[in-house]
N, C-alpha and C. Protein backbone atom coordinates (compact mmCIF):
# COMPACT_ATOMS: atom_id res chain seq x y z
N MET A 1 63.01 160.76 -42.23
CA MET A 1 62.15 161.56 -43.23
C MET A 1 62.54 160.75 -44.66
N CYS A 2 61.56 161.03 -45.50
CA CYS A 2 61.85 160.35 -46.76
C CYS A 2 62.99 160.89 -47.84
N LYS A 3 63.31 160.31 -48.66
CA LYS A 3 64.03 160.61 -49.92
C LYS A 3 63.23 161.30 -50.90
N LYS A 4 62.13 160.82 -51.18
CA LYS A 4 61.27 160.69 -52.19
C LYS A 4 60.96 162.52 -52.27
N ARG A 5 60.53 162.84 -53.43
CA ARG A 5 60.00 163.85 -53.48
C ARG A 5 58.97 164.38 -53.16
N LYS A 6 58.95 165.61 -52.28
CA LYS A 6 57.81 166.05 -51.65
C LYS A 6 56.83 166.79 -52.42
N TYR A 7 55.48 166.65 -52.00
CA TYR A 7 54.46 167.76 -52.97
C TYR A 7 53.44 168.20 -51.96
N SER A 8 52.80 169.34 -52.04
CA SER A 8 51.55 169.50 -51.62
C SER A 8 50.55 168.77 -51.98
N ARG A 9 48.89 168.82 -51.57
CA ARG A 9 48.38 168.00 -52.33
C ARG A 9 47.89 168.66 -53.75
N GLN A 10 47.98 169.62 -53.90
CA GLN A 10 47.57 170.43 -55.30
C GLN A 10 48.82 170.29 -56.10
N GLY A 11 49.63 170.32 -55.39
CA GLY A 11 51.36 169.89 -56.40
C GLY A 11 51.03 168.69 -56.89
N ALA A 12 50.82 167.57 -56.17
CA ALA A 12 50.92 166.31 -56.41
C ALA A 12 49.86 166.20 -57.72
N LEU A 13 48.50 166.65 -57.67
CA LEU A 13 47.85 166.50 -58.77
C LEU A 13 48.18 167.23 -59.77
N PHE A 14 48.64 168.51 -59.62
CA PHE A 14 49.28 169.35 -60.95
C PHE A 14 50.46 168.23 -61.65
N ALA A 15 51.23 167.76 -60.78
CA ALA A 15 52.39 167.01 -61.55
C ALA A 15 51.88 165.44 -62.10
N ILE A 16 50.96 165.11 -61.70
CA ILE A 16 50.68 163.77 -62.62
C ILE A 16 50.00 164.40 -63.60
N VAL A 17 49.14 165.43 -63.58
CA VAL A 17 48.55 165.76 -65.05
C VAL A 17 49.48 166.21 -65.89
N ARG A 18 50.85 166.94 -65.69
CA ARG A 18 51.92 167.36 -66.11
C ARG A 18 52.51 166.21 -67.12
N ALA A 19 52.98 165.28 -66.29
CA ALA A 19 53.61 163.93 -66.33
C ALA A 19 52.65 163.03 -67.70
N GLN A 20 51.40 162.75 -67.27
CA GLN A 20 50.69 162.53 -68.33
C GLN A 20 50.32 162.93 -69.62
N ARG A 21 50.53 164.23 -69.52
CA ARG A 21 50.12 165.08 -70.47
C ARG A 21 51.37 165.08 -71.57
N GLU A 22 52.72 164.88 -71.02
CA GLU A 22 53.96 164.94 -71.62
C GLU A 22 54.19 163.44 -72.16
N PHE A 23 53.75 162.58 -71.42
CA PHE A 23 53.70 161.15 -72.11
C PHE A 23 52.95 160.72 -73.40
N LYS A 24 51.95 161.50 -73.28
CA LYS A 24 50.96 161.42 -74.40
C LYS A 24 51.34 162.14 -75.98
N GLU A 25 51.91 162.97 -75.35
CA GLU A 25 52.46 164.37 -76.63
C GLU A 25 53.73 163.40 -77.13
N GLY A 26 54.42 162.42 -76.27
CA GLY A 26 55.77 161.99 -76.92
C GLY A 26 56.78 162.49 -76.29
N LYS A 27 56.61 163.64 -75.55
CA LYS A 27 57.75 164.36 -75.01
C LYS A 27 58.66 163.66 -74.08
N ILE A 28 58.15 162.79 -73.25
CA ILE A 28 59.03 161.95 -72.77
C ILE A 28 58.57 160.51 -72.56
N LYS A 29 59.55 159.77 -72.68
CA LYS A 29 59.53 158.41 -72.94
C LYS A 29 59.87 157.45 -71.87
N ALA A 30 58.96 157.48 -70.56
CA ALA A 30 58.96 156.83 -69.43
C ALA A 30 58.60 155.36 -69.07
N ASP A 31 59.15 154.28 -68.49
CA ASP A 31 58.34 153.27 -68.51
C ASP A 31 57.30 153.73 -67.15
N LYS A 32 57.49 154.39 -66.48
CA LYS A 32 56.64 154.67 -65.16
C LYS A 32 56.41 156.34 -65.22
N VAL A 33 54.79 156.15 -65.59
CA VAL A 33 54.39 157.75 -65.51
C VAL A 33 53.31 157.86 -64.34
N PRO A 34 53.36 158.78 -63.58
CA PRO A 34 52.67 158.61 -62.19
C PRO A 34 51.06 158.65 -62.55
N VAL A 35 50.36 158.04 -61.83
CA VAL A 35 49.06 157.90 -62.04
C VAL A 35 48.27 158.03 -60.67
N ARG A 36 48.75 158.25 -59.70
CA ARG A 36 48.25 158.53 -58.48
C ARG A 36 49.18 159.30 -57.73
N SER A 37 48.62 159.77 -56.34
CA SER A 37 49.59 160.44 -54.90
C SER A 37 48.98 159.69 -53.67
N TYR A 38 49.76 159.77 -52.86
CA TYR A 38 49.39 159.17 -51.65
C TYR A 38 50.02 160.08 -50.66
N PHE A 39 49.38 159.93 -49.28
CA PHE A 39 49.81 160.76 -48.29
C PHE A 39 50.99 159.73 -47.53
N CYS A 40 52.31 160.45 -47.31
CA CYS A 40 52.81 159.64 -46.48
C CYS A 40 52.98 160.31 -45.07
N LYS A 41 52.81 159.37 -44.13
CA LYS A 41 52.58 159.63 -42.52
C LYS A 41 54.23 159.92 -42.35
N HIS A 42 55.11 159.73 -42.64
CA HIS A 42 56.47 160.08 -42.02
C HIS A 42 56.85 161.24 -42.39
N CYS A 43 56.44 162.09 -43.30
CA CYS A 43 57.25 163.08 -43.66
C CYS A 43 55.97 164.29 -43.92
N LYS A 44 54.72 163.49 -43.71
CA LYS A 44 53.49 164.83 -43.97
C LYS A 44 53.25 165.37 -45.01
N THR A 45 53.77 164.86 -46.26
CA THR A 45 53.58 165.30 -47.46
C THR A 45 52.97 164.26 -48.34
N TYR A 46 52.78 164.56 -49.74
CA TYR A 46 52.22 163.66 -50.70
C TYR A 46 53.41 163.16 -51.62
N HIS A 47 53.23 162.04 -52.12
CA HIS A 47 54.04 161.55 -53.20
C HIS A 47 53.80 160.79 -54.26
N LEU A 48 54.05 160.57 -55.40
CA LEU A 48 53.87 160.17 -56.61
C LEU A 48 54.13 158.70 -56.75
N THR A 49 53.00 158.11 -57.37
CA THR A 49 53.46 156.40 -57.50
C THR A 49 52.69 156.11 -59.02
N SER A 50 53.57 155.22 -59.73
CA SER A 50 52.85 154.86 -61.14
C SER A 50 51.82 153.28 -60.99
N GLN A 51 51.68 153.03 -59.69
CA GLN A 51 50.86 151.85 -59.29
C GLN A 51 49.76 152.01 -59.27
N LEU A 52 48.76 151.42 -59.75
CA LEU A 52 47.29 151.48 -59.60
C LEU A 52 46.61 151.44 -58.19
N ARG A 53 45.34 151.54 -57.94
CA ARG A 53 44.88 151.28 -56.60
C ARG A 53 44.11 150.01 -56.73
N PHE A 54 44.54 149.14 -55.90
CA PHE A 54 43.71 147.87 -55.71
C PHE A 54 42.56 148.09 -54.97
N SER A 55 41.36 147.72 -55.58
CA SER A 55 40.11 147.68 -55.10
C SER A 55 39.51 145.99 -54.36
N ILE A 56 39.82 146.22 -53.35
CA ILE A 56 39.62 144.81 -52.30
C ILE A 56 38.54 144.36 -52.80
N LYS A 57 37.61 144.95 -52.59
CA LYS A 57 35.95 144.59 -52.66
C LYS A 57 35.54 144.19 -54.01
N LYS A 58 36.05 144.99 -55.01
CA LYS A 58 36.05 144.31 -56.63
C LYS A 58 37.02 143.35 -57.06
N GLY A 59 38.19 143.47 -56.47
CA GLY A 59 39.12 142.51 -56.86
C GLY A 59 39.76 142.87 -58.07
N VAL A 60 39.80 144.44 -58.43
CA VAL A 60 40.24 144.76 -59.74
C VAL A 60 41.23 146.31 -59.47
N PHE A 61 42.01 146.24 -60.53
CA PHE A 61 42.77 147.41 -60.42
C PHE A 61 42.14 148.94 -60.71
N GLN A 62 42.17 149.94 -60.08
CA GLN A 62 41.39 151.41 -60.47
C GLN A 62 42.63 152.30 -60.82
N GLY A 63 41.89 153.12 -61.83
CA GLY A 63 42.92 154.16 -62.10
C GLY A 63 43.30 154.07 -63.71
N SER A 64 43.65 155.22 -64.59
CA SER A 64 44.28 155.29 -65.64
C SER A 64 45.46 153.85 -65.78
N GLN A 65 45.85 153.67 -67.19
CA GLN A 65 46.94 152.88 -66.88
C GLN A 65 47.92 153.38 -68.12
N ASN A 66 47.85 154.77 -68.29
CA ASN A 66 48.92 155.32 -69.23
C ASN A 66 49.06 154.80 -70.80
N LYS A 67 47.97 154.72 -71.10
CA LYS A 67 47.89 154.22 -72.78
C LYS A 67 47.69 155.32 -73.47
N ARG A 68 48.38 155.22 -74.89
CA ARG A 68 48.67 156.35 -75.50
C ARG A 68 47.47 156.42 -76.52
């Protein structure tokens, strides 16, 4: 099992929106703010990550970049 915080699919999306809103409002000053979630095959739940998704076909990163 994973040691990371576990979320349902909807819970992960809610946590991302909440963290990004608090970062923009200046309530939290974090280097890493989650931008997407991913499904973990080991624990069958979702985890959050601050890494952008890389598109192999386009050769670029996709997603928001936590700018204020």
